[in-house]
Amino acid sequence: MQRFSGNVWHVTVLVMVLTAGIPLGALGQALSAEGLSSGATVYVPVYSHIPVGIKGISFDLAISLSIRNTDPHESITVNSVAYHNSNGKVVKRFLDKPMQIGPLASKDFFVSEADTSGGFGASFIVKWKAASGVNEPIIEGVMAGTKSGQGISFTSRGQVIKDRAQ
């Protein structure tokens, strides 16, 4: 079986598009923008504490929100980072103005273990954008805590949501 190179594949697709009557501009946009994004609103579930043990005693956790720009060539701009409590109310806003994160760079935001204002259903809403299509950033919460010689840590990945206010 003969293996096709990338150029042969592109020529094959071009011939199929021309015979199907698809405009070349649409093809170029589809091929170049596949998997890229120019911005999003991301919901990140986090936990300021969790119940543990038989009695469900509260185990307080520190929270780090990590925003990692996965694009090796372009910066992204983070417009807002808001920390919400279990009732959906904003507890803290982390940015006074938009912040750039360079290619392959990262930024984190910290909520202390002593701050349980977010509750069990805490979350972050992160709004970011880019000047052109980029690899989507990885946005996740990292929760960690120690108590009586025991430690716990885990992560929670962000989820792109539709924001009607955007």
C-alpha atoms as a PDB file:
ATOM      1  CA  MET A   1       0.000   0.000   0.000  1.00  0.00           C
ATOM      2  CA  GLN A   2       1.396   3.387  -0.978  1.00  0.00           C
ATOM      3  CA  ARG A   3       1.484   6.156   1.612  1.00  0.00           C
ATOM      4  CA  PHE A   4       0.447   9.701   0.587  1.00  0.00           C
ATOM      5  CA  SER A   5       2.533  12.684   1.594  1.00  0.00           C
ATOM      6  CA  GLY A   6       0.932  15.848   2.988  1.00  0.00           C
ATOM      7  CA  ASN A   7       1.200  17.646  -0.385  1.00  0.00           C
ATOM      8  CA  VAL A   8      -0.590  14.845  -2.243  1.00  0.00           C
ATOM      9  CA  TRP A   9      -3.370  14.952   0.369  1.00  0.00           C
ATOM     10  CA  HIS A  10      -3.802  18.734  -0.073  1.00  0.00           C
ATOM     11  CA  VAL A  11      -3.919  18.358  -3.883  1.00  0.00           C
ATOM     12  CA  THR A  12      -6.501  15.572  -3.531  1.00  0.00           C
ATOM     13  CA  VAL A  13      -8.643  17.758  -1.261  1.00  0.00           C
ATOM     14  CA  LEU A  14      -8.282  20.704  -3.666  1.00  0.00           C
ATOM     15  CA  VAL A  15      -9.457  18.595  -6.612  1.00  0.00           C
ATOM     16  CA  MET A  16     -12.427  17.323  -4.568  1.00  0.00           C
ATOM     17  CA  VAL A  17     -13.325  20.898  -3.554  1.00  0.00           C
ATOM     18  CA  LEU A  18     -13.085  22.238  -7.109  1.00  0.00           C
ATOM     19  CA  THR A  19     -15.320  19.488  -8.434  1.00  0.00           C
ATOM     20  CA  ALA A  20     -17.817  20.066  -5.591  1.00  0.00           C
ATOM     21  CA  GLY A  21     -17.966  23.821  -6.232  1.00  0.00           C
ATOM     22  CA  ILE A  22     -16.813  24.877  -2.740  1.00  0.00           C
ATOM     23  CA  PRO A  23     -15.237  28.375  -2.712  1.00  0.00           C
ATOM     24  CA  LEU A  24     -11.449  28.270  -2.231  1.00  0.00           C
ATOM     25  CA  GLY A  25     -11.597  30.962   0.470  1.00  0.00           C
ATOM     26  CA  ALA A  26     -13.770  28.726   2.633  1.00  0.00           C
ATOM     27  CA  LEU A  27     -11.360  25.822   2.140  1.00  0.00           C
ATOM     28  CA  GLY A  28      -8.370  27.942   3.193  1.00  0.00           C
ATOM     29  CA  GLN A  29     -10.144  29.129   6.321  1.00  0.00           C
ATOM     30  CA  ALA A  30     -11.187  25.594   7.245  1.00  0.00           C
ATOM     31  CA  LEU A  31      -7.718  24.120   6.743  1.00  0.00           C
ATOM     32  CA  SER A  32      -5.813  26.890   8.524  1.00  0.00           C
ATOM     33  CA  ALA A  33      -8.214  27.437  11.424  1.00  0.00           C
ATOM     34  CA  GLU A  34      -8.869  23.808  12.287  1.00  0.00           C
ATOM     35  CA  GLY A  35      -8.589  23.417  16.043  1.00  0.00           C
ATOM     36  CA  LEU A  36      -7.681  27.071  16.655  1.00  0.00           C
ATOM     37  CA  SER A  37      -9.593  29.649  18.680  1.00  0.00           C
ATOM     38  CA  SER A  38      -9.589  33.431  18.986  1.00  0.00           C
ATOM     39  CA  GLY A  39     -11.098  33.468  22.474  1.00  0.00           C
ATOM     40  CA  ALA A  40     -13.548  31.929  24.896  1.00  0.00           C
ATOM     41  CA  THR A  41     -15.233  32.069  28.273  1.00  0.00           C
ATOM     42  CA  VAL A  42     -14.070  29.173  30.447  1.00  0.00           C
ATOM     43  CA  TYR A  43     -15.777  27.765  33.564  1.00  0.00           C
ATOM     44  CA  VAL A  44     -13.413  26.065  36.019  1.00  0.00           C
ATOM     45  CA  PRO A  45     -14.962  24.139  38.946  1.00  0.00           C
ATOM     46  CA  VAL A  46     -12.837  24.338  42.116  1.00  0.00           C
ATOM     47  CA  TYR A  47     -13.254  23.476  45.787  1.00  0.00           C
ATOM     48  CA  SER A  48     -12.263  25.629  48.772  1.00  0.00           C
ATOM     49  CA  HIS A  49     -12.960  22.633  50.999  1.00  0.00           C
ATOM     50  CA  ILE A  50     -14.239  19.078  50.743  1.00  0.00           C
ATOM     51  CA  PRO A  51     -15.853  16.777  53.306  1.00  0.00           C
ATOM     52  CA  VAL A  52     -13.675  13.796  54.299  1.00  0.00           C
ATOM     53  CA  GLY A  53     -13.869  10.784  56.587  1.00  0.00           C
ATOM     54  CA  ILE A  54     -16.848   9.042  58.113  1.00  0.00           C
ATOM     55  CA  LYS A  55     -18.198  12.239  59.691  1.00  0.00           C
ATOM     56  CA  GLY A  56     -17.595  14.385  56.602  1.00  0.00           C
ATOM     57  CA  ILE A  57     -15.348  16.824  58.433  1.00  0.00           C
ATOM     58  CA  SER A  58     -14.332  19.774  56.276  1.00  0.00           C
ATOM     59  CA  PHE A  59     -10.830  19.625  54.773  1.00  0.00           C
ATOM     60  CA  ASP A  60      -9.767  23.133  53.698  1.00  0.00           C
ATOM     61  CA  LEU A  61      -7.921  23.485  50.409  1.00  0.00           C
ATOM     62  CA  ALA A  62      -5.734  26.107  48.788  1.00  0.00           C
ATOM     63  CA  ILE A  63      -6.640  26.791  45.159  1.00  0.00           C
ATOM     64  CA  SER A  64      -4.342  27.745  42.321  1.00  0.00           C
ATOM     65  CA  LEU A  65      -5.928  28.665  39.020  1.00  0.00           C
ATOM     66  CA  SER A  66      -3.451  27.941  36.243  1.00  0.00           C
ATOM     67  CA  ILE A  67      -3.724  29.522  32.774  1.00  0.00           C
ATOM     68  CA  ARG A  68      -1.201  28.056  30.322  1.00  0.00           C
ATOM     69  CA  ASN A  69      -0.807  29.483  26.843  1.00  0.00           C
ATOM     70  CA  THR A  70      -0.196  26.401  24.693  1.00  0.00           C
ATOM     71  CA  ASP A  71       0.529  28.366  21.528  1.00  0.00           C
ATOM     72  CA  PRO A  72       4.258  28.418  20.665  1.00  0.00           C
ATOM     73  CA  HIS A  73       4.025  31.585  18.542  1.00  0.00           C
ATOM     74  CA  GLU A  74       1.231  33.911  19.713  1.00  0.00           C
ATOM     75  CA  SER A  75       0.267  35.624  22.965  1.00  0.00           C
ATOM     76  CA  ILE A  76      -3.207  35.503  24.464  1.00  0.00           C
ATOM     77  CA  THR A  77      -4.955  38.241  26.425  1.00  0.00           C
ATOM     78  CA  VAL A  78      -6.829  37.367  29.607  1.00  0.00           C
ATOM     79  CA  ASN A  79      -9.597  39.941  30.027  1.00  0.00           C
ATOM     80  CA  SER A  80     -11.013  38.764  33.341  1.00  0.00           C
ATOM     81  CA  VAL A  81     -10.608  36.187  36.082  1.00  0.00           C
ATOM     82  CA  ALA A  82     -13.479  36.032  38.569  1.00  0.00           C
ATOM     83  CA  TYR A  83     -13.809  33.705  41.585  1.00  0.00           C
ATOM     84  CA  HIS A  84     -17.420  32.697  42.387  1.00  0.00           C
ATOM     85  CA  ASN A  85     -18.915  31.042  45.462  1.00  0.00           C
ATOM     86  CA  SER A  86     -21.353  28.118  45.602  1.00  0.00           C
ATOM     87  CA  ASN A  87     -24.271  30.504  45.023  1.00  0.00           C
ATOM     88  CA  GLY A  88     -22.708  31.904  41.850  1.00  0.00           C
ATOM     89  CA  LYS A  89     -21.851  35.274  43.408  1.00  0.00           C
ATOM     90  CA  VAL A  90     -18.481  36.872  42.611  1.00  0.00           C
ATOM     91  CA  VAL A  91     -16.222  36.638  45.666  1.00  0.00           C
ATOM     92  CA  LYS A  92     -13.115  38.176  44.085  1.00  0.00           C
ATOM     93  CA  ARG A  93     -11.980  39.687  40.788  1.00  0.00           C
ATOM     94  CA  PHE A  94      -8.299  39.121  40.086  1.00  0.00           C
ATOM     95  CA  LEU A  95      -7.607  41.575  37.247  1.00  0.00           C
ATOM     96  CA  ASP A  96      -7.970  45.351  37.093  1.00  0.00           C
ATOM     97  CA  LYS A  97      -6.995  45.399  33.417  1.00  0.00           C
ATOM     98  CA  PRO A  98      -6.388  42.816  30.676  1.00  0.00           C
ATOM     99  CA  MET A  99      -3.184  40.789  31.006  1.00  0.00           C
ATOM    100  CA  GLN A 100      -1.098  39.207  28.255  1.00  0.00           C
ATOM    101  CA  ILE A 101       0.379  35.728  28.519  1.00  0.00           C
ATOM    102  CA  GLY A 102       3.204  35.150  26.060  1.00  0.00           C
ATOM    103  CA  PRO A 103       3.779  32.064  23.901  1.00  0.00           C
ATOM    104  CA  LEU A 104       4.128  28.923  26.061  1.00  0.00           C
ATOM    105  CA  ALA A 105       3.985  31.073  29.209  1.00  0.00           C
ATOM    106  CA  SER A 106       1.653  30.623  32.165  1.00  0.00           C
ATOM    107  CA  LYS A 107       0.055  32.623  34.943  1.00  0.00           C
ATOM    108  CA  ASP A 108      -1.527  31.493  38.178  1.00  0.00           C
ATOM    109  CA  PHE A 109      -3.964  33.001  40.664  1.00  0.00           C
ATOM    110  CA  PHE A 110      -4.076  31.876  44.301  1.00  0.00           C
ATOM    111  CA  VAL A 111      -6.836  31.491  46.890  1.00  0.00           C
ATOM    112  CA  SER A 112      -5.535  30.681  50.372  1.00  0.00           C
ATOM    113  CA  GLU A 113      -6.445  27.524  52.282  1.00  0.00           C
ATOM    114  CA  ALA A 114      -7.820  29.814  55.009  1.00  0.00           C
ATOM    115  CA  ASP A 115     -10.290  31.392  52.535  1.00  0.00           C
ATOM    116  CA  THR A 116     -13.346  29.121  52.436  1.00  0.00           C
ATOM    117  CA  SER A 117     -15.653  31.818  51.035  1.00  0.00           C
ATOM    118  CA  GLY A 118     -16.017  29.926  47.739  1.00  0.00           C
ATOM    119  CA  GLY A 119     -17.480  26.839  49.345  1.00  0.00           C
ATOM    120  CA  PHE A 120     -17.807  23.336  47.947  1.00  0.00           C
ATOM    121  CA  GLY A 121     -19.246  24.638  44.661  1.00  0.00           C
ATOM    122  CA  ALA A 122     -16.728  27.419  43.995  1.00  0.00           C
ATOM    123  CA  SER A 123     -15.677  28.243  40.440  1.00  0.00           C
ATOM    124  CA  PHE A 124     -13.653  30.577  38.274  1.00  0.00           C
ATOM    125  CA  ILE A 125     -14.843  32.268  35.103  1.00  0.00           C
ATOM    126  CA  VAL A 126     -11.946  33.174  32.806  1.00  0.00           C
ATOM    127  CA  LYS A 127     -12.411  35.271  29.660  1.00  0.00           C
ATOM    128  CA  TRP A 128      -9.569  35.302  27.156  1.00  0.00           C
ATOM    129  CA  LYS A 129      -8.990  36.339  23.556  1.00  0.00           C
ATOM    130  CA  ALA A 130      -6.292  36.366  20.895  1.00  0.00           C
ATOM    131  CA  ALA A 131      -5.623  38.569  17.880  1.00  0.00           C
ATOM    132  CA  SER A 132      -5.812  35.518  15.598  1.00  0.00           C
ATOM    133  CA  GLY A 133      -6.546  31.816  15.865  1.00  0.00           C
ATOM    134  CA  VAL A 134      -4.312  30.149  18.483  1.00  0.00           C
ATOM    135  CA  ASN A 135      -4.082  26.830  20.291  1.00  0.00           C
ATOM    136  CA  GLU A 136      -6.575  26.950  23.158  1.00  0.00           C
ATOM    137  CA  PRO A 137      -4.938  27.541  26.542  1.00  0.00           C
ATOM    138  CA  ILE A 138      -5.115  24.930  29.279  1.00  0.00           C
ATOM    139  CA  ILE A 139      -7.035  26.435  32.186  1.00  0.00           C
ATOM    140  CA  GLU A 140      -7.344  24.342  35.317  1.00  0.00           C
ATOM    141  CA  GLY A 141      -7.738  24.529  39.060  1.00  0.00           C
ATOM    142  CA  VAL A 142      -5.202  22.840  41.310  1.00  0.00           C
ATOM    143  CA  MET A 143      -6.460  22.188  44.841  1.00  0.00           C
ATOM    144  CA  ALA A 144      -4.156  21.127  47.685  1.00  0.00           C
ATOM    145  CA  GLY A 145      -4.294  20.980  51.456  1.00  0.00           C
ATOM    146  CA  THR A 146      -2.613  19.461  54.497  1.00  0.00           C
ATOM    147  CA  LYS A 147      -4.039  18.593  57.897  1.00  0.00           C
ATOM    148  CA  SER A 148      -2.634  16.488  60.748  1.00  0.00           C
ATOM    149  CA  GLY A 149       0.150  15.101  58.578  1.00  0.00           C
ATOM    150  CA  GLN A 150      -2.220  14.196  55.750  1.00  0.00           C
ATOM    151  CA  GLY A 151      -2.272  15.816  52.365  1.00  0.00           C
ATOM    152  CA  ILE A 152      -4.623  15.897  49.436  1.00  0.00           C
ATOM    153  CA  SER A 153      -4.312  17.401  45.976  1.00  0.00           C
ATOM    154  CA  PHE A 154      -6.210  17.158  42.701  1.00  0.00           C
ATOM    155  CA  THR A 155      -6.949  19.131  39.550  1.00  0.00           C
ATOM    156  CA  SER A 156     -10.069  20.233  37.712  1.00  0.00           C
ATOM    157  CA  ARG A 157     -10.005  21.151  34.002  1.00  0.00           C
ATOM    158  CA  GLY A 158     -11.861  24.194  32.656  1.00  0.00           C
ATOM    159  CA  GLN A 159     -14.803  23.887  30.271  1.00  0.00           C
ATOM    160  CA  VAL A 160     -15.609  26.380  27.505  1.00  0.00           C
ATOM    161  CA  ILE A 161     -19.094  27.805  28.007  1.00  0.00           C
ATOM    162  CA  LYS A 162     -21.303  30.135  26.014  1.00  0.00           C
ATOM    163  CA  ASP A 163     -21.512  33.536  27.624  1.00  0.00           C
ATOM    164  CA  ARG A 164     -24.540  35.536  26.491  1.00  0.00           C
ATOM    165  CA  ALA A 165     -22.990  38.718  27.923  1.00  0.00           C
ATOM    166  CA  GLN A 166     -19.963  38.604  25.603  1.00  0.00           C
END
